[in-house]
Amino acid sequence: MITLVMCPQKSKPTPKNDAWRRLGELTGFYKPGAGPNLPGFSLRLGDGSLWWIAGSPEAASIAEKLAAIMELEEGDPEDAHLMFFYERHADQQWFKHPRLQDQGWSNLRHFFYRLSFHPRLRHFLGEYDKSNPNSSPYGMMCEALPSIHWESICRGGLPFHAALLEFQGQGVILAAAGETGKSTCCRRLPPPWRARCDDEVLAVLSPQGRYLAHPFPTWTDYLWERAPNTWKVEAAVPLAGIFFFEQAPEDDCVPLKDVDAAVAAITSAGQVMGRFLSWCDAGEARRLRLNMFDNACEIVKQVPTFHLRVSLTGKFWDKIKAALDWQ
């Protein structure tokens, strides 16, 4: 029987101007009655964090596309972390960066986009420049999601450069560096196995102290125009095991010591968060790295971890089942 950990019932869309008022309070600029109604989309994760994803009228399509890719529904910004996109030329009256810095925002260093993050309240602003040929709406979405991971890291979670496999309602992380066969492993799985994603997984710590795994998008599917896939990001599964794999002549699976598992986990998380960390100032990056290290040490104490060797023709999924004592 499949067990999906779903988010609670969605809220109704936000009333007119409430979102502008909230943004005004956070950015230091608000004019009563300003701005049209802003529809936005809610993302609830298994650690209790709530995000509201929206955009100004000139950049609303970015939020809408991101919501479609992550299979989100409209929701209310109240009590949520904000992820807001705006257009550089049309919306600059609202988002002047000296004023943002006065309100506690940090400017993340990026070549093609101007990204702002509020390290204390953990909100995100993304400036999209339609006139810049190097700007891509999918690139902007990809660079925005580590801010969601940051909030979950602060709640005890950890992202993995990995595939998420599901078997009878239980989740398995299959972690490895890029171009090592994660997608191939996903395609080889027989029923009733199911591949929930093949590139990025967010492990979160629930209020009940259990680790859950959320699938996240594979952005190269869009950046390289391979396939318009979608992922039901809110639908988490209980995390039963973490397998760090490599290609090998024969299938094999051995348990990892906690210290080796923690090193592998922090390495995998660094592959997801590395660019984001490079954009942060030194103090913020150091705090985030320390949180990631602590979380990696904790997650491998609770979740069984293994070194999995995968051959081209073997049944590696049977090795996973045997390691976890699954029938």
C-alpha atoms as a PDB file:
ATOM      1  CA  MET A   1       0.000   0.000   0.000  1.00  0.00           C
ATOM      2  CA  ILE A   2       1.500   3.322  -1.083  1.00  0.00           C
ATOM      3  CA  THR A   3       1.971   5.948   1.611  1.00  0.00           C
ATOM      4  CA  LEU A   4       2.209   9.543   0.455  1.00  0.00           C
ATOM      5  CA  VAL A   5       2.663  12.314   2.985  1.00  0.00           C
ATOM      6  CA  MET A   6       0.512  15.073   1.558  1.00  0.00           C
ATOM      7  CA  CYS A   7       0.184  18.686   2.567  1.00  0.00           C
ATOM      8  CA  PRO A   8      -2.945  19.956   4.325  1.00  0.00           C
ATOM      9  CA  GLN A   9      -5.856  21.478   2.436  1.00  0.00           C
ATOM     10  CA  LYS A  10      -4.834  24.497   0.389  1.00  0.00           C
ATOM     11  CA  SER A  11      -5.816  28.006   1.384  1.00  0.00           C
ATOM     12  CA  LYS A  12      -7.890  30.277  -0.829  1.00  0.00           C
ATOM     13  CA  PRO A  13      -6.106  32.783  -3.101  1.00  0.00           C
ATOM     14  CA  THR A  14      -4.986  35.973  -1.398  1.00  0.00           C
ATOM     15  CA  PRO A  15      -7.334  39.000  -1.412  1.00  0.00           C
ATOM     16  CA  LYS A  16      -6.411  42.022  -3.502  1.00  0.00           C
ATOM     17  CA  ASN A  17      -3.380  44.018  -2.282  1.00  0.00           C
ATOM     18  CA  ASP A  18      -2.604  41.825   0.763  1.00  0.00           C
ATOM     19  CA  ALA A  19       0.473  40.442  -0.975  1.00  0.00           C
ATOM     20  CA  TRP A  20       1.627  43.928  -1.990  1.00  0.00           C
ATOM     21  CA  ARG A  21       1.229  45.051   1.623  1.00  0.00           C
ATOM     22  CA  ARG A  22       3.363  42.139   2.813  1.00  0.00           C
ATOM     23  CA  LEU A  23       6.012  42.846   0.197  1.00  0.00           C
ATOM     24  CA  GLY A  24       5.943  46.515   1.104  1.00  0.00           C
ATOM     25  CA  GLU A  25       6.610  45.732   4.742  1.00  0.00           C
ATOM     26  CA  LEU A  26       9.573  43.553   3.784  1.00  0.00           C
ATOM     27  CA  THR A  27      11.098  45.836   1.160  1.00  0.00           C
ATOM     28  CA  GLY A  28      10.517  49.213   2.799  1.00  0.00           C
ATOM     29  CA  PHE A  29       8.244  50.524   0.049  1.00  0.00           C
ATOM     30  CA  TYR A  30       4.477  50.445   0.168  1.00  0.00           C
ATOM     31  CA  LYS A  31       1.863  52.758  -1.229  1.00  0.00           C
ATOM     32  CA  PRO A  32      -1.704  52.067  -0.037  1.00  0.00           C
ATOM     33  CA  GLY A  33      -3.828  50.715  -2.844  1.00  0.00           C
ATOM     34  CA  ALA A  34      -0.829  50.012  -5.061  1.00  0.00           C
ATOM     35  CA  GLY A  35      -0.538  46.960  -7.206  1.00  0.00           C
ATOM     36  CA  PRO A  36      -3.022  44.553  -8.757  1.00  0.00           C
ATOM     37  CA  ASN A  37      -4.172  41.318  -7.234  1.00  0.00           C
ATOM     38  CA  LEU A  38      -1.277  38.873  -7.039  1.00  0.00           C
ATOM     39  CA  PRO A  39      -2.222  35.220  -7.402  1.00  0.00           C
ATOM     40  CA  GLY A  40       0.409  32.953  -5.906  1.00  0.00           C
ATOM     41  CA  PHE A  41       1.065  29.292  -5.260  1.00  0.00           C
ATOM     42  CA  SER A  42       1.620  27.440  -1.986  1.00  0.00           C
ATOM     43  CA  LEU A  43       4.313  24.877  -1.272  1.00  0.00           C
ATOM     44  CA  ARG A  44       4.049  22.946   1.998  1.00  0.00           C
ATOM     45  CA  LEU A  45       6.851  20.613   3.007  1.00  0.00           C
ATOM     46  CA  GLY A  46       6.893  17.787   5.512  1.00  0.00           C
ATOM     47  CA  ASP A  47       8.950  19.805   8.017  1.00  0.00           C
ATOM     48  CA  GLY A  48       6.090  22.292   8.407  1.00  0.00           C
ATOM     49  CA  SER A  49       7.637  25.013   6.255  1.00  0.00           C
ATOM     50  CA  LEU A  50       5.296  26.925   3.963  1.00  0.00           C
ATOM     51  CA  TRP A  51       6.290  28.914   0.878  1.00  0.00           C
ATOM     52  CA  TRP A  52       4.266  31.294  -1.266  1.00  0.00           C
ATOM     53  CA  ILE A  53       5.534  31.615  -4.840  1.00  0.00           C
ATOM     54  CA  ALA A  54       4.384  34.565  -6.946  1.00  0.00           C
ATOM     55  CA  GLY A  55       5.515  37.267  -9.336  1.00  0.00           C
ATOM     56  CA  SER A  56       4.720  40.811 -10.322  1.00  0.00           C
ATOM     57  CA  PRO A  57       2.479  41.175 -13.393  1.00  0.00           C
ATOM     58  CA  GLU A  58       5.581  41.444 -15.606  1.00  0.00           C
ATOM     59  CA  ALA A  59       7.156  38.294 -14.128  1.00  0.00           C
ATOM     60  CA  ALA A  60       4.082  36.281 -13.135  1.00  0.00           C
ATOM     61  CA  SER A  61       4.740  33.733 -15.875  1.00  0.00           C
ATOM     62  CA  ILE A  62       7.888  32.571 -14.037  1.00  0.00           C
ATOM     63  CA  ALA A  63       5.909  31.775 -10.890  1.00  0.00           C
ATOM     64  CA  GLU A  64       3.168  30.127 -12.949  1.00  0.00           C
ATOM     65  CA  LYS A  65       5.624  27.924 -14.843  1.00  0.00           C
ATOM     66  CA  LEU A  66       7.433  26.973 -11.637  1.00  0.00           C
ATOM     67  CA  ALA A  67       4.124  26.069  -9.996  1.00  0.00           C
ATOM     68  CA  ALA A  68       3.161  23.925 -12.988  1.00  0.00           C
ATOM     69  CA  ILE A  69       6.500  22.084 -12.934  1.00  0.00           C
ATOM     70  CA  MET A  70       6.163  21.437  -9.183  1.00  0.00           C
ATOM     71  CA  GLU A  71       2.396  20.692  -9.459  1.00  0.00           C
ATOM     72  CA  LEU A  72       1.390  23.379  -6.960  1.00  0.00           C
ATOM     73  CA  GLU A  73      -1.988  25.021  -6.404  1.00  0.00           C
ATOM     74  CA  GLU A  74      -2.931  28.605  -5.610  1.00  0.00           C
ATOM     75  CA  GLY A  75      -2.661  29.624  -1.978  1.00  0.00           C
ATOM     76  CA  ASP A  76      -2.391  32.454   0.525  1.00  0.00           C
ATOM     77  CA  PRO A  77       0.845  34.293   1.476  1.00  0.00           C
ATOM     78  CA  GLU A  78      -0.084  34.632   5.146  1.00  0.00           C
ATOM     79  CA  ASP A  79       2.550  33.110   7.485  1.00  0.00           C
ATOM     80  CA  ALA A  80       4.541  31.860   4.487  1.00  0.00           C
ATOM     81  CA  HIS A  81       8.090  32.443   3.346  1.00  0.00           C
ATOM     82  CA  LEU A  82       7.937  34.479   0.143  1.00  0.00           C
ATOM     83  CA  MET A  83       9.541  33.597  -3.162  1.00  0.00           C
ATOM     84  CA  PHE A  84       8.792  36.531  -5.416  1.00  0.00           C
ATOM     85  CA  PHE A  85       9.926  37.233  -8.980  1.00  0.00           C
ATOM     86  CA  TYR A  86       9.910  40.670 -10.578  1.00  0.00           C
ATOM     87  CA  GLU A  87      11.070  42.215 -13.857  1.00  0.00           C
ATOM     88  CA  ARG A  88      14.138  44.422 -13.701  1.00  0.00           C
ATOM     89  CA  HIS A  89      12.898  47.387 -15.745  1.00  0.00           C
ATOM     90  CA  ALA A  90       9.159  47.336 -15.029  1.00  0.00           C
ATOM     91  CA  ASP A  91       9.370  46.877 -11.246  1.00  0.00           C
ATOM     92  CA  GLN A  92      12.518  48.723 -10.194  1.00  0.00           C
ATOM     93  CA  GLN A  93      10.506  51.355  -8.274  1.00  0.00           C
ATOM     94  CA  TRP A  94       9.592  48.632  -5.799  1.00  0.00           C
ATOM     95  CA  PHE A  95      12.855  46.795  -5.448  1.00  0.00           C
ATOM     96  CA  LYS A  96      15.694  49.287  -5.118  1.00  0.00           C
ATOM     97  CA  HIS A  97      18.647  47.428  -3.675  1.00  0.00           C
ATOM     98  CA  PRO A  98      20.021  50.053  -1.258  1.00  0.00           C
ATOM     99  CA  ARG A  99      16.594  50.074   0.389  1.00  0.00           C
ATOM    100  CA  LEU A 100      16.461  46.270   0.399  1.00  0.00           C
ATOM    101  CA  GLN A 101      19.793  46.149   2.214  1.00  0.00           C
ATOM    102  CA  ASP A 102      18.431  48.559   4.812  1.00  0.00           C
ATOM    103  CA  GLN A 103      15.581  46.076   5.381  1.00  0.00           C
ATOM    104  CA  GLY A 104      17.979  43.178   6.030  1.00  0.00           C
ATOM    105  CA  TRP A 105      18.184  41.651   2.550  1.00  0.00           C
ATOM    106  CA  SER A 106      21.446  40.186   1.255  1.00  0.00           C
ATOM    107  CA  ASN A 107      22.342  40.521  -2.408  1.00  0.00           C
ATOM    108  CA  LEU A 108      23.498  37.136  -3.723  1.00  0.00           C
ATOM    109  CA  ARG A 109      26.340  37.391  -6.240  1.00  0.00           C
ATOM    110  CA  HIS A 110      25.207  35.976  -9.589  1.00  0.00           C
ATOM    111  CA  PHE A 111      26.300  36.563 -13.178  1.00  0.00           C
ATOM    112  CA  PHE A 112      22.921  36.673 -14.951  1.00  0.00           C
ATOM    113  CA  TYR A 113      20.318  37.412 -12.260  1.00  0.00           C
ATOM    114  CA  ARG A 114      19.997  39.724  -9.296  1.00  0.00           C
ATOM    115  CA  LEU A 115      18.946  37.539  -6.393  1.00  0.00           C
ATOM    116  CA  SER A 116      18.143  38.749  -2.889  1.00  0.00           C
ATOM    117  CA  PHE A 117      17.702  36.615   0.199  1.00  0.00           C
ATOM    118  CA  HIS A 118      16.593  37.578   3.698  1.00  0.00           C
ATOM    119  CA  PRO A 119      18.811  35.389   5.936  1.00  0.00           C
ATOM    120  CA  ARG A 120      16.819  36.021   9.121  1.00  0.00           C
ATOM    121  CA  LEU A 121      13.277  35.690   7.763  1.00  0.00           C
ATOM    122  CA  ARG A 122      14.310  33.524   4.798  1.00  0.00           C
ATOM    123  CA  HIS A 123      12.436  35.154   1.951  1.00  0.00           C
ATOM    124  CA  PHE A 124      13.664  35.251  -1.654  1.00  0.00           C
ATOM    125  CA  LEU A 125      13.463  37.880  -4.405  1.00  0.00           C
ATOM    126  CA  GLY A 126      14.483  37.133  -7.982  1.00  0.00           C
ATOM    127  CA  GLU A 127      15.011  39.895 -10.534  1.00  0.00           C
ATOM    128  CA  TYR A 128      14.485  38.752 -14.118  1.00  0.00           C
ATOM    129  CA  ASP A 129      15.769  40.840 -17.024  1.00  0.00           C
ATOM    130  CA  LYS A 130      13.825  40.042 -20.187  1.00  0.00           C
ATOM    131  CA  SER A 131      16.283  42.054 -22.269  1.00  0.00           C
ATOM    132  CA  ASN A 132      19.316  39.984 -21.214  1.00  0.00           C
ATOM    133  CA  PRO A 133      19.941  37.145 -23.709  1.00  0.00           C
ATOM    134  CA  ASN A 134      21.738  35.177 -20.981  1.00  0.00           C
ATOM    135  CA  SER A 135      18.642  35.166 -18.763  1.00  0.00           C
ATOM    136  CA  SER A 136      16.404  32.115 -18.822  1.00  0.00           C
ATOM    137  CA  PRO A 137      13.188  31.763 -16.818  1.00  0.00           C
ATOM    138  CA  TYR A 138      14.126  28.140 -16.128  1.00  0.00           C
ATOM    139  CA  GLY A 139      17.579  29.206 -15.005  1.00  0.00           C
ATOM    140  CA  MET A 140      15.949  31.670 -12.616  1.00  0.00           C
ATOM    141  CA  MET A 141      13.704  28.934 -11.198  1.00  0.00           C
ATOM    142  CA  CYS A 142      16.667  26.599 -10.750  1.00  0.00           C
ATOM    143  CA  GLU A 143      18.674  29.235  -8.887  1.00  0.00           C
ATOM    144  CA  ALA A 144      15.712  30.127  -6.655  1.00  0.00           C
ATOM    145  CA  LEU A 145      15.066  26.687  -5.152  1.00  0.00           C
ATOM    146  CA  PRO A 146      18.170  26.503  -2.896  1.00  0.00           C
ATOM    147  CA  SER A 147      16.505  29.191  -0.779  1.00  0.00           C
ATOM    148  CA  ILE A 148      13.772  26.629  -0.043  1.00  0.00           C
ATOM    149  CA  HIS A 149      16.462  24.127   0.892  1.00  0.00           C
ATOM    150  CA  TRP A 150      18.045  26.701   3.232  1.00  0.00           C
ATOM    151  CA  GLU A 151      14.854  26.959   5.272  1.00  0.00           C
ATOM    152  CA  SER A 152      14.579  23.172   5.484  1.00  0.00           C
ATOM    153  CA  ILE A 153      18.255  22.898   6.454  1.00  0.00           C
ATOM    154  CA  CYS A 154      17.512  25.270   9.326  1.00  0.00           C
ATOM    155  CA  ARG A 155      14.773  22.800  10.351  1.00  0.00           C
ATOM    156  CA  GLY A 156      17.087  19.770  10.324  1.00  0.00           C
ATOM    157  CA  GLY A 157      16.824  18.697   6.678  1.00  0.00           C
ATOM    158  CA  LEU A 158      19.355  18.116   3.920  1.00  0.00           C
ATOM    159  CA  PRO A 159      19.227  18.174   0.101  1.00  0.00           C
ATOM    160  CA  PHE A 160      20.821  15.359  -1.911  1.00  0.00           C
ATOM    161  CA  HIS A 161      22.086  15.174  -5.470  1.00  0.00           C
ATOM    162  CA  ALA A 162      20.161  11.988  -5.966  1.00  0.00           C
ATOM    163  CA  ALA A 163      17.244  10.052  -7.355  1.00  0.00           C
ATOM    164  CA  LEU A 164      14.251   9.245  -5.173  1.00  0.00           C
ATOM    165  CA  LEU A 165      12.936   5.708  -5.543  1.00  0.00           C
ATOM    166  CA  GLU A 166       9.689   4.492  -4.022  1.00  0.00           C
ATOM    167  CA  PHE A 167       8.739   0.938  -3.107  1.00  0.00           C
ATOM    168  CA  GLN A 168       5.412   0.168  -1.434  1.00  0.00           C
ATOM    169  CA  GLY A 169       5.147   3.654   0.049  1.00  0.00           C
ATOM    170  CA  GLN A 170       8.737   3.854   1.321  1.00  0.00           C
ATOM    171  CA  GLY A 171      11.398   6.168  -0.078  1.00  0.00           C
ATOM    172  CA  VAL A 172      15.001   5.373  -0.956  1.00  0.00           C
ATOM    173  CA  ILE A 173      17.606   7.986  -1.864  1.00  0.00           C
ATOM    174  CA  LEU A 174      20.015   6.867  -4.593  1.00  0.00           C
ATOM    175  CA  ALA A 175      22.829   9.419  -4.447  1.00  0.00           C
ATOM    176  CA  ALA A 176      25.740   9.997  -6.800  1.00  0.00           C
ATOM    177  CA  ALA A 177      27.495  12.793  -8.636  1.00  0.00           C
ATOM    178  CA  GLY A 178      26.269  13.974 -12.027  1.00  0.00           C
ATOM    179  CA  GLU A 179      26.558  11.756 -15.119  1.00  0.00           C
ATOM    180  CA  THR A 180      27.048   8.580 -13.081  1.00  0.00           C
ATOM    181  CA  GLY A 181      23.839   6.752 -13.976  1.00  0.00           C
ATOM    182  CA  LYS A 182      21.039   7.966 -11.682  1.00  0.00           C
ATOM    183  CA  SER A 183      18.612   8.423 -14.576  1.00  0.00           C
ATOM    184  CA  THR A 184      19.598   5.080 -16.085  1.00  0.00           C
ATOM    185  CA  CYS A 185      18.932   3.340 -12.769  1.00  0.00           C
ATOM    186  CA  CYS A 186      15.511   4.986 -12.628  1.00  0.00           C
ATOM    187  CA  ARG A 187      14.637   3.750 -16.115  1.00  0.00           C
ATOM    188  CA  ARG A 188      15.673   0.192 -15.243  1.00  0.00           C
ATOM    189  CA  LEU A 189      13.382  -0.154 -12.218  1.00  0.00           C
ATOM    190  CA  PRO A 190      10.668  -2.818 -12.559  1.00  0.00           C
ATOM    191  CA  PRO A 191       7.156  -2.447 -11.088  1.00  0.00           C
ATOM    192  CA  PRO A 192       6.121  -1.918  -8.346  1.00  0.00           C
ATOM    193  CA  TRP A 193       9.194   0.290  -7.961  1.00  0.00           C
ATOM    194  CA  ARG A 194       8.674   3.884  -8.979  1.00  0.00           C
ATOM    195  CA  ALA A 195      11.168   6.670  -9.702  1.00  0.00           C
ATOM    196  CA  ARG A 196       9.866   9.917  -8.171  1.00  0.00           C
ATOM    197  CA  CYS A 197      12.768  12.030  -9.479  1.00  0.00           C
ATOM    198  CA  ASP A 198      16.261  11.442 -10.826  1.00  0.00           C
ATOM    199  CA  ASP A 199      18.404  14.437  -9.878  1.00  0.00           C
ATOM    200  CA  GLU A 200      17.544  16.233  -6.630  1.00  0.00           C
ATOM    201  CA  VAL A 201      15.884  15.166  -3.372  1.00  0.00           C
ATOM    202  CA  LEU A 202      15.140  17.193  -0.247  1.00  0.00           C
ATOM    203  CA  ALA A 203      15.131  15.167   2.970  1.00  0.00           C
ATOM    204  CA  VAL A 204      13.195  17.017   5.681  1.00  0.00           C
ATOM    205  CA  LEU A 205      12.729  16.385   9.390  1.00  0.00           C
ATOM    206  CA  SER A 206       9.062  16.248  10.329  1.00  0.00           C
ATOM    207  CA  PRO A 207       7.719  17.749  13.581  1.00  0.00           C
ATOM    208  CA  GLN A 208       7.341  14.132  14.765  1.00  0.00           C
ATOM    209  CA  GLY A 209      11.072  13.507  14.294  1.00  0.00           C
ATOM    210  CA  ARG A 210      10.829  11.367  11.140  1.00  0.00           C
ATOM    211  CA  TYR A 211      12.729  11.965   7.934  1.00  0.00           C
ATOM    212  CA  LEU A 212      10.648  12.410   4.800  1.00  0.00           C
ATOM    213  CA  ALA A 213      11.862  12.768   1.211  1.00  0.00           C
ATOM    214  CA  HIS A 214      10.503  15.237  -1.351  1.00  0.00           C
ATOM    215  CA  PRO A 215      11.226  14.912  -5.091  1.00  0.00           C
ATOM    216  CA  PHE A 216      12.513  18.046  -6.830  1.00  0.00           C
ATOM    217  CA  PRO A 217      12.721  18.926 -10.536  1.00  0.00           C
ATOM    218  CA  THR A 218      15.448  17.939 -12.964  1.00  0.00           C
ATOM    219  CA  TRP A 219      16.209  21.341 -14.450  1.00  0.00           C
ATOM    220  CA  THR A 220      18.287  20.033 -17.329  1.00  0.00           C
ATOM    221  CA  ASP A 221      15.052  18.612 -18.753  1.00  0.00           C
ATOM    222  CA  TYR A 222      14.023  22.224 -19.384  1.00  0.00           C
ATOM    223  CA  LEU A 223      17.367  23.975 -19.842  1.00  0.00           C
ATOM    224  CA  TRP A 224      18.373  21.436 -22.489  1.00  0.00           C
ATOM    225  CA  GLU A 225      14.804  21.126 -23.852  1.00  0.00           C
ATOM    226  CA  ARG A 226      14.669  17.372 -23.280  1.00  0.00           C
ATOM    227  CA  ALA A 227      11.162  16.853 -21.865  1.00  0.00           C
ATOM    228  CA  PRO A 228       8.494  19.010 -20.121  1.00  0.00           C
ATOM    229  CA  ASN A 229       8.262  16.758 -17.060  1.00  0.00           C
ATOM    230  CA  THR A 230       6.558  17.669 -13.795  1.00  0.00           C
ATOM    231  CA  TRP A 231       7.089  16.542 -10.197  1.00  0.00           C
ATOM    232  CA  LYS A 232       4.592  16.479  -7.338  1.00  0.00           C
ATOM    233  CA  VAL A 233       6.996  18.103  -4.906  1.00  0.00           C
ATOM    234  CA  GLU A 234       4.591  18.264  -1.951  1.00  0.00           C
ATOM    235  CA  ALA A 235       4.018  14.487  -1.959  1.00  0.00           C
ATOM    236  CA  ALA A 236       6.750  13.219   0.369  1.00  0.00           C
ATOM    237  CA  VAL A 237       7.467   9.617   1.310  1.00  0.00           C
ATOM    238  CA  PRO A 238       9.011   8.273   4.540  1.00  0.00           C
ATOM    239  CA  LEU A 239      12.761   7.904   4.051  1.00  0.00           C
ATOM    240  CA  ALA A 240      13.785   4.280   4.621  1.00  0.00           C
ATOM    241  CA  GLY A 241      17.365   4.272   3.360  1.00  0.00           C
ATOM    242  CA  ILE A 242      20.156   6.222   1.683  1.00  0.00           C
ATOM    243  CA  PHE A 243      22.340   4.473  -0.889  1.00  0.00           C
ATOM    244  CA  PHE A 244      25.493   6.094  -2.258  1.00  0.00           C
ATOM    245  CA  PHE A 245      26.166   4.235  -5.469  1.00  0.00           C
ATOM    246  CA  GLU A 246      28.840   3.744  -8.077  1.00  0.00           C
ATOM    247  CA  GLN A 247      29.049   1.753 -11.283  1.00  0.00           C
ATOM    248  CA  ALA A 248      30.743  -1.632 -10.927  1.00  0.00           C
ATOM    249  CA  PRO A 249      31.117  -4.966 -12.756  1.00  0.00           C
ATOM    250  CA  GLU A 250      28.825  -6.693 -10.232  1.00  0.00           C
ATOM    251  CA  ASP A 251      26.046  -5.591  -7.893  1.00  0.00           C
ATOM    252  CA  ASP A 252      26.925  -5.357  -4.216  1.00  0.00           C
ATOM    253  CA  CYS A 253      25.719  -3.473  -1.137  1.00  0.00           C
ATOM    254  CA  VAL A 254      27.511  -2.915   2.169  1.00  0.00           C
ATOM    255  CA  PRO A 255      26.546  -0.782   5.197  1.00  0.00           C
ATOM    256  CA  LEU A 256      28.458   2.443   5.775  1.00  0.00           C
ATOM    257  CA  LYS A 257      29.943   3.554   9.067  1.00  0.00           C
ATOM    258  CA  ASP A 258      28.338   6.735  10.395  1.00  0.00           C
ATOM    259  CA  VAL A 259      31.439   8.828   9.760  1.00  0.00           C
ATOM    260  CA  ASP A 260      31.729   7.663   6.144  1.00  0.00           C
ATOM    261  CA  ALA A 261      27.991   8.100   5.607  1.00  0.00           C
ATOM    262  CA  ALA A 262      28.084  11.640   7.014  1.00  0.00           C
ATOM    263  CA  VAL A 263      30.955  12.588   4.702  1.00  0.00           C
ATOM    264  CA  ALA A 264      29.073  11.180   1.713  1.00  0.00           C
ATOM    265  CA  ALA A 265      25.871  12.999   2.736  1.00  0.00           C
ATOM    266  CA  ILE A 266      27.552  16.389   3.160  1.00  0.00           C
ATOM    267  CA  THR A 267      29.326  15.907  -0.178  1.00  0.00           C
ATOM    268  CA  SER A 268      26.016  15.194  -1.905  1.00  0.00           C
ATOM    269  CA  ALA A 269      24.372  18.205  -0.243  1.00  0.00           C
ATOM    270  CA  GLY A 270      27.279  20.384  -1.318  1.00  0.00           C
ATOM    271  CA  GLN A 271      26.674  19.397  -4.933  1.00  0.00           C
ATOM    272  CA  VAL A 272      23.167  20.851  -4.616  1.00  0.00           C
ATOM    273  CA  MET A 273      24.011  23.933  -2.547  1.00  0.00           C
ATOM    274  CA  GLY A 274      27.487  24.765  -3.851  1.00  0.00           C
ATOM    275  CA  ARG A 275      26.520  27.600  -6.206  1.00  0.00           C
ATOM    276  CA  PHE A 276      24.157  29.139  -3.663  1.00  0.00           C
ATOM    277  CA  LEU A 277      26.881  29.054  -1.009  1.00  0.00           C
ATOM    278  CA  SER A 278      29.297  30.780  -3.377  1.00  0.00           C
ATOM    279  CA  TRP A 279      26.848  33.669  -3.804  1.00  0.00           C
ATOM    280  CA  CYS A 280      26.371  34.219  -0.054  1.00  0.00           C
ATOM    281  CA  ASP A 281      28.668  36.350   2.043  1.00  0.00           C
ATOM    282  CA  ALA A 282      31.268  34.468   4.073  1.00  0.00           C
ATOM    283  CA  GLY A 283      29.397  34.583   7.388  1.00  0.00           C
ATOM    284  CA  GLU A 284      26.106  33.305   6.000  1.00  0.00           C
ATOM    285  CA  ALA A 285      27.852  30.587   3.998  1.00  0.00           C
ATOM    286  CA  ARG A 286      29.746  29.409   7.068  1.00  0.00           C
ATOM    287  CA  ARG A 287      26.568  29.172   9.168  1.00  0.00           C
ATOM    288  CA  LEU A 288      24.784  27.242   6.438  1.00  0.00           C
ATOM    289  CA  ARG A 289      27.692  24.812   6.024  1.00  0.00           C
ATOM    290  CA  LEU A 290      27.752  24.152   9.769  1.00  0.00           C
ATOM    291  CA  ASN A 291      24.013  23.432   9.734  1.00  0.00           C
ATOM    292  CA  MET A 292      24.466  21.084   6.788  1.00  0.00           C
ATOM    293  CA  PHE A 293      27.274  19.238   8.561  1.00  0.00           C
ATOM    294  CA  ASP A 294      25.248  18.835  11.765  1.00  0.00           C
ATOM    295  CA  ASN A 295      22.218  17.623   9.813  1.00  0.00           C
ATOM    296  CA  ALA A 296      24.284  15.127   7.825  1.00  0.00           C
ATOM    297  CA  CYS A 297      25.612  13.640  11.064  1.00  0.00           C
ATOM    298  CA  GLU A 298      22.092  13.353  12.488  1.00  0.00           C
ATOM    299  CA  ILE A 299      20.348  11.916   9.454  1.00  0.00           C
ATOM    300  CA  VAL A 300      22.793   9.011   9.082  1.00  0.00           C
ATOM    301  CA  LYS A 301      22.228   8.084  12.732  1.00  0.00           C
ATOM    302  CA  GLN A 302      18.520   7.545  12.089  1.00  0.00           C
ATOM    303  CA  VAL A 303      18.372   6.440   8.442  1.00  0.00           C
ATOM    304  CA  PRO A 304      20.298   3.318   7.315  1.00  0.00           C
ATOM    305  CA  THR A 305      23.036   4.172   4.803  1.00  0.00           C
ATOM    306  CA  PHE A 306      24.854   1.921   2.355  1.00  0.00           C
ATOM    307  CA  HIS A 307      27.459   1.826  -0.385  1.00  0.00           C
ATOM    308  CA  LEU A 308      25.751   0.340  -3.432  1.00  0.00           C
ATOM    309  CA  ARG A 309      27.618  -1.013  -6.449  1.00  0.00           C
ATOM    310  CA  VAL A 310      25.503  -1.139  -9.591  1.00  0.00           C
ATOM    311  CA  SER A 311      26.276  -3.202 -12.686  1.00  0.00           C
ATOM    312  CA  LEU A 312      24.844  -2.622 -16.142  1.00  0.00           C
ATOM    313  CA  THR A 313      22.735  -5.783 -16.181  1.00  0.00           C
ATOM    314  CA  GLY A 314      22.154  -6.773 -12.551  1.00  0.00           C
ATOM    315  CA  LYS A 315      19.133  -6.270 -10.319  1.00  0.00           C
ATOM    316  CA  PHE A 316      20.425  -3.599  -7.957  1.00  0.00           C
ATOM    317  CA  TRP A 317      16.919  -3.080  -6.565  1.00  0.00           C
ATOM    318  CA  ASP A 318      17.081  -6.571  -5.048  1.00  0.00           C
ATOM    319  CA  LYS A 319      20.247  -5.513  -3.203  1.00  0.00           C
ATOM    320  CA  ILE A 320      18.337  -2.515  -1.821  1.00  0.00           C
ATOM    321  CA  LYS A 321      15.449  -4.719  -0.655  1.00  0.00           C
ATOM    322  CA  ALA A 322      17.818  -7.158   1.020  1.00  0.00           C
ATOM    323  CA  ALA A 323      19.721  -4.368   2.774  1.00  0.00           C
ATOM    324  CA  LEU A 324      16.481  -2.961   4.207  1.00  0.00           C
ATOM    325  CA  ASP A 325      14.978  -6.389   5.009  1.00  0.00           C
ATOM    326  CA  TRP A 326      12.108  -5.826   2.595  1.00  0.00           C
ATOM    327  CA  GLN A 327      10.213  -8.809   1.234  1.00  0.00           C
END
